[in-house]
Amino acid sequence: MPATLTDLPVALSIAGSDSGAGAGIQADLLTFAANGVYGTTAITCLTAQNPLGVSGVQATSPAFVLEQCHQVTRYYRPKALKTGMLLNVEIVEAVAGFIAEAKFPAVIDPVMVASSGATLLSAEAVAAVARKLLPLAAVVTPNLDEATILLGRKALGGSQGPAEALELARRYGVPFLVKGGHADGDALVDALAWPDGRTLTLTAQRIPGIDTHGSGCTLSAAITAHLARGESLEQAVRLAHTYLQSGMQTPMQVVGLKHIRH
């Protein structure tokens, strides 16, 4: 007799498209599949890019972003969602309104700063993210550059990571996972903190020679996948951290460049 099939949990990524497929919805979909959930998308923008740089970005209209979200939720009924690149204040506000009405957890990856250090959101859009989006999160996953913007001072990570994550968690009233990959040195610290004062520290060693483009997308997508599977936030973060480290320790090579394996 054929095996009995059961429905996969569904997750939704509201993010931009990366034509080079290292980050954005492409990385999210690979990560969702690898972590046992069915991935759906609402595309906020199209990018023309490869590992050498970005040559163009085109925004999706806020109305069409919402149309994608509603079509997905009406049929697939996601168990969790994540956000990535939201590009402008109008999309931020539209997505915040959608999440406020959603009945499932939202992982907010506050994409504000490119790997090159270039700012990706206007000051107005950053303010909208902080005011309207972050308080709705099941967890927020800034890197150190984004934590610096949200703290209003330089985020140092490392041994300071737990205190910085806790300060942000208490400021916004939601858990924060401050990622330490942009810190100096080979010992990397990711710090998760809850508004009630609990903290969790996850450590790893820097792996040389890996293109880390998309590592933040991969981590937040893996957290989303495990929340969709019914895991607690702490367990989802632990499993996602392990998944990302495994993908970096066993990379795949494309055109001579070592990429995270999903």
Foldseek 3Di string as FASTA:
>chain_A
DDDDDDAWAEEEEEWADDPQLQAIPSLLCLLLVVLTHHYFYQHQWYWDDHVVGTDDIGGDQLVSSVVRVVVCCVPRVHQEYEYDDNQEQRNLVSVLVVLVPRPHAYEYAPPAADPVRDGRYDPNNLVSCLPRPLLSHQEYEYEQSNLCVVVVHGDAADVCQQVSQQVSQLVSVHKYWYWFPPHDDFKTWIKIAHPVGDIDIDIDGDDPQADCVHLSNQLSSQLRSVVSVVDDSVVSNVVSVVQQVVQRVDFDADPRGTYRDD
